[in-house]
Amino acid sequence: MTTQVKRQPDNGPRVAGRMSDSTDRRTVLAANRTVLAAERTYAAWVRTGLTALASGVGAKKVLGGVMPEWAVVLTGSVLVLFSAACFAAAVWRELVPDIHAPRPEVRRLPRGVLLGLNGFLMLVSFAALLGVWFGETGGD
């Protein structure tokens, strides 16, 4: 028994313009996905920083009666400093991308907004650090 292979009809040579347009469009779509992925990464850094900030401040109140004072201050300080590092990393990763892709169609977040928001969050982190160092320990 022989198997016959059906051949697809040859539509002739591809038109260079159509192939180039298709390739360019895929490249632009890939650049769009890269911008959106970078924004999700930025949001993850900020979310992690806010969680660490809340945990550091909460550690001062919650762990006060359970652990020695030095351990409470150290734990709160490390968490709050980690939050400031997350806010700095979020801006750095967004403002200094490692890729040199073509111009995407999706607009990026404005640099001024990123710097202003993350600068404010870093100031809040340092103010919280002062609260962890000099505030009263809870546990009552």
C-alpha atoms as a PDB file:
ATOM      1  CA  MET A   1       0.000   0.000   0.000  1.00  0.00           C
ATOM      2  CA  THR A   2       1.408   3.350  -1.000  1.00  0.00           C
ATOM      3  CA  THR A   3       0.707   6.545   0.787  1.00  0.00           C
ATOM      4  CA  GLN A   4       0.238   9.593  -1.287  1.00  0.00           C
ATOM      5  CA  VAL A   5       1.340  12.942   0.043  1.00  0.00           C
ATOM      6  CA  LYS A   6      -0.812  15.881  -0.873  1.00  0.00           C
ATOM      7  CA  ARG A   7       1.209  18.889  -1.859  1.00  0.00           C
ATOM      8  CA  GLN A   8       0.067  22.375  -1.136  1.00  0.00           C
ATOM      9  CA  PRO A   9      -0.110  24.582  -4.192  1.00  0.00           C
ATOM     10  CA  ASP A  10       2.807  26.953  -4.547  1.00  0.00           C
ATOM     11  CA  ASN A  11       1.537  30.494  -4.509  1.00  0.00           C
ATOM     12  CA  GLY A  12       4.698  31.783  -6.059  1.00  0.00           C
ATOM     13  CA  PRO A  13       7.414  33.882  -4.496  1.00  0.00           C
ATOM     14  CA  ARG A  14       6.510  35.853  -1.396  1.00  0.00           C
ATOM     15  CA  VAL A  15       6.181  39.543  -1.850  1.00  0.00           C
ATOM     16  CA  ALA A  16       9.025  41.216   0.018  1.00  0.00           C
ATOM     17  CA  GLY A  17       6.847  44.066   1.277  1.00  0.00           C
ATOM     18  CA  ARG A  18       4.214  41.774   2.781  1.00  0.00           C
ATOM     19  CA  MET A  19       6.812  39.640   4.562  1.00  0.00           C
ATOM     20  CA  SER A  20       8.616  42.710   5.858  1.00  0.00           C
ATOM     21  CA  ASP A  21       5.358  44.292   7.089  1.00  0.00           C
ATOM     22  CA  SER A  22       4.409  41.116   8.912  1.00  0.00           C
ATOM     23  CA  THR A  23       7.826  40.861  10.527  1.00  0.00           C
ATOM     24  CA  ASP A  24       7.795  44.519  11.542  1.00  0.00           C
ATOM     25  CA  ARG A  25       4.329  44.164  13.064  1.00  0.00           C
ATOM     26  CA  ARG A  26       5.391  41.133  15.106  1.00  0.00           C
ATOM     27  CA  THR A  27       8.425  43.072  16.320  1.00  0.00           C
ATOM     28  CA  VAL A  28       6.256  45.998  17.418  1.00  0.00           C
ATOM     29  CA  LEU A  29       3.837  43.648  19.186  1.00  0.00           C
ATOM     30  CA  ALA A  30       6.771  42.032  20.975  1.00  0.00           C
ATOM     31  CA  ALA A  31       7.969  45.491  22.042  1.00  0.00           C
ATOM     32  CA  ASN A  32       4.464  46.242  23.365  1.00  0.00           C
ATOM     33  CA  ARG A  33       4.496  43.043  25.406  1.00  0.00           C
ATOM     34  CA  THR A  34       7.917  43.971  26.769  1.00  0.00           C
ATOM     35  CA  VAL A  35       6.658  47.367  27.958  1.00  0.00           C
ATOM     36  CA  LEU A  36       3.641  45.784  29.627  1.00  0.00           C
ATOM     37  CA  ALA A  37       5.818  43.137  31.286  1.00  0.00           C
ATOM     38  CA  ALA A  38       8.107  45.885  32.604  1.00  0.00           C
ATOM     39  CA  GLU A  39       5.094  47.640  34.129  1.00  0.00           C
ATOM     40  CA  ARG A  40       4.013  44.413  35.840  1.00  0.00           C
ATOM     41  CA  THR A  41       7.528  44.026  37.209  1.00  0.00           C
ATOM     42  CA  TYR A  42       7.452  47.622  38.461  1.00  0.00           C
ATOM     43  CA  ALA A  43       4.127  46.967  40.190  1.00  0.00           C
ATOM     44  CA  ALA A  44       5.544  43.833  41.814  1.00  0.00           C
ATOM     45  CA  TRP A  45       8.517  45.772  43.225  1.00  0.00           C
ATOM     46  CA  VAL A  46       6.213  48.459  44.650  1.00  0.00           C
ATOM     47  CA  ARG A  47       3.819  45.848  46.065  1.00  0.00           C
ATOM     48  CA  THR A  48       6.703  44.008  47.726  1.00  0.00           C
ATOM     49  CA  GLY A  49       8.044  47.283  49.133  1.00  0.00           C
ATOM     50  CA  LEU A  50       4.670  48.261  50.594  1.00  0.00           C
ATOM     51  CA  THR A  51       4.301  44.824  52.183  1.00  0.00           C
ATOM     52  CA  ALA A  52       7.775  45.020  53.718  1.00  0.00           C
ATOM     53  CA  LEU A  53       7.070  48.543  54.981  1.00  0.00           C
ATOM     54  CA  ALA A  54       3.842  47.481  56.670  1.00  0.00           C
ATOM     55  CA  SER A  55       5.534  44.392  58.113  1.00  0.00           C
ATOM     56  CA  GLY A  56       8.420  46.419  59.509  1.00  0.00           C
ATOM     57  CA  VAL A  57       6.144  48.916  61.211  1.00  0.00           C
ATOM     58  CA  GLY A  58       3.858  46.139  62.421  1.00  0.00           C
ATOM     59  CA  ALA A  59       6.784  44.164  63.817  1.00  0.00           C
ATOM     60  CA  LYS A  60       7.521  47.009  66.218  1.00  0.00           C
ATOM     61  CA  LYS A  61       4.012  46.811  67.685  1.00  0.00           C
ATOM     62  CA  VAL A  62       3.311  43.080  67.504  1.00  0.00           C
ATOM     63  CA  LEU A  63       6.659  41.624  68.554  1.00  0.00           C
ATOM     64  CA  GLY A  64       7.182  44.018  71.473  1.00  0.00           C
ATOM     65  CA  GLY A  65       6.106  41.681  74.247  1.00  0.00           C
ATOM     66  CA  VAL A  66       7.408  38.530  72.608  1.00  0.00           C
ATOM     67  CA  MET A  67      11.029  39.298  71.693  1.00  0.00           C
ATOM     68  CA  PRO A  68      13.808  41.369  73.260  1.00  0.00           C
ATOM     69  CA  GLU A  69      13.851  45.064  72.292  1.00  0.00           C
ATOM     70  CA  TRP A  70      17.030  44.761  70.191  1.00  0.00           C
ATOM     71  CA  ALA A  71      15.517  41.911  68.126  1.00  0.00           C
ATOM     72  CA  VAL A  72      12.302  43.868  67.531  1.00  0.00           C
ATOM     73  CA  VAL A  73      14.217  46.961  66.388  1.00  0.00           C
ATOM     74  CA  LEU A  74      16.530  44.892  64.184  1.00  0.00           C
ATOM     75  CA  THR A  75      13.633  43.017  62.558  1.00  0.00           C
ATOM     76  CA  GLY A  76      11.654  46.196  61.941  1.00  0.00           C
ATOM     77  CA  SER A  77      14.726  48.012  60.619  1.00  0.00           C
ATOM     78  CA  VAL A  78      15.640  45.265  58.156  1.00  0.00           C
ATOM     79  CA  LEU A  79      12.087  45.098  56.803  1.00  0.00           C
ATOM     80  CA  VAL A  80      11.787  48.876  56.439  1.00  0.00           C
ATOM     81  CA  LEU A  81      15.204  49.173  54.782  1.00  0.00           C
ATOM     82  CA  PHE A  82      14.218  46.339  52.435  1.00  0.00           C
ATOM     83  CA  SER A  83      11.097  48.310  51.493  1.00  0.00           C
ATOM     84  CA  ALA A  84      13.217  51.347  50.577  1.00  0.00           C
ATOM     85  CA  ALA A  85      15.467  49.088  48.488  1.00  0.00           C
ATOM     86  CA  CYS A  86      12.400  47.712  46.671  1.00  0.00           C
ATOM     87  CA  PHE A  87      11.188  51.224  45.846  1.00  0.00           C
ATOM     88  CA  ALA A  88      14.648  52.134  44.509  1.00  0.00           C
ATOM     89  CA  ALA A  89      14.866  48.922  42.482  1.00  0.00           C
ATOM     90  CA  ALA A  90      11.430  49.539  40.983  1.00  0.00           C
ATOM     91  CA  VAL A  91      12.498  52.908  39.591  1.00  0.00           C
ATOM     92  CA  TRP A  92      15.906  51.679  38.484  1.00  0.00           C
ATOM     93  CA  ARG A  93      14.470  48.690  36.585  1.00  0.00           C
ATOM     94  CA  GLU A  94      11.880  50.915  34.904  1.00  0.00           C
ATOM     95  CA  LEU A  95      14.184  53.808  33.982  1.00  0.00           C
ATOM     96  CA  VAL A  96      17.209  51.758  32.888  1.00  0.00           C
ATOM     97  CA  PRO A  97      15.870  48.959  30.683  1.00  0.00           C
ATOM     98  CA  ASP A  98      18.383  46.437  29.382  1.00  0.00           C
ATOM     99  CA  ILE A  99      16.703  46.001  26.027  1.00  0.00           C
ATOM    100  CA  HIS A 100      17.045  48.053  22.897  1.00  0.00           C
ATOM    101  CA  ALA A 101      13.790  47.181  21.228  1.00  0.00           C
ATOM    102  CA  PRO A 102      12.037  49.158  18.519  1.00  0.00           C
ATOM    103  CA  ARG A 103       9.641  51.861  19.597  1.00  0.00           C
ATOM    104  CA  PRO A 104       6.503  50.223  21.011  1.00  0.00           C
ATOM    105  CA  GLU A 105       3.017  51.535  20.345  1.00  0.00           C
ATOM    106  CA  VAL A 106       2.183  51.351  24.058  1.00  0.00           C
ATOM    107  CA  ARG A 107       3.031  54.486  26.010  1.00  0.00           C
ATOM    108  CA  ARG A 108       5.372  54.057  28.963  1.00  0.00           C
ATOM    109  CA  LEU A 109       4.659  55.503  32.372  1.00  0.00           C
ATOM    110  CA  PRO A 110       6.050  59.059  32.631  1.00  0.00           C
ATOM    111  CA  ARG A 111       9.464  59.220  34.309  1.00  0.00           C
ATOM    112  CA  GLY A 112       8.454  62.163  36.490  1.00  0.00           C
ATOM    113  CA  VAL A 113       5.554  60.206  37.947  1.00  0.00           C
ATOM    114  CA  LEU A 114       7.774  57.202  38.670  1.00  0.00           C
ATOM    115  CA  LEU A 115      10.484  59.279  40.305  1.00  0.00           C
ATOM    116  CA  GLY A 116       7.993  61.347  42.310  1.00  0.00           C
ATOM    117  CA  LEU A 117       5.966  58.398  43.567  1.00  0.00           C
ATOM    118  CA  ASN A 118       8.918  56.195  44.436  1.00  0.00           C
ATOM    119  CA  GLY A 119      10.836  59.109  45.948  1.00  0.00           C
ATOM    120  CA  PHE A 120       7.864  59.777  48.215  1.00  0.00           C
ATOM    121  CA  LEU A 121       7.623  56.098  49.142  1.00  0.00           C
ATOM    122  CA  MET A 122      11.326  56.054  50.003  1.00  0.00           C
ATOM    123  CA  LEU A 123      10.843  59.096  52.254  1.00  0.00           C
ATOM    124  CA  VAL A 124       7.966  57.288  53.963  1.00  0.00           C
ATOM    125  CA  SER A 125      10.255  54.278  54.454  1.00  0.00           C
ATOM    126  CA  PHE A 126      12.931  56.406  56.103  1.00  0.00           C
ATOM    127  CA  ALA A 127      10.349  58.116  58.309  1.00  0.00           C
ATOM    128  CA  ALA A 128       9.052  54.673  59.320  1.00  0.00           C
ATOM    129  CA  LEU A 129      12.639  53.647  60.079  1.00  0.00           C
ATOM    130  CA  LEU A 130      12.912  56.570  62.487  1.00  0.00           C
ATOM    131  CA  GLY A 131       9.650  55.409  64.054  1.00  0.00           C
ATOM    132  CA  VAL A 132      11.016  51.899  64.450  1.00  0.00           C
ATOM    133  CA  TRP A 133      14.216  53.223  66.044  1.00  0.00           C
ATOM    134  CA  PHE A 134      12.744  55.881  68.349  1.00  0.00           C
ATOM    135  CA  GLY A 135       9.066  54.943  68.753  1.00  0.00           C
ATOM    136  CA  GLU A 136       7.588  53.024  71.617  1.00  0.00           C
ATOM    137  CA  THR A 137       7.499  49.267  71.348  1.00  0.00           C
ATOM    138  CA  GLY A 138       4.002  47.787  71.624  1.00  0.00           C
ATOM    139  CA  GLY A 139       2.896  44.516  73.066  1.00  0.00           C
ATOM    140  CA  ASP A 140       0.455  45.834  75.639  1.00  0.00           C
END
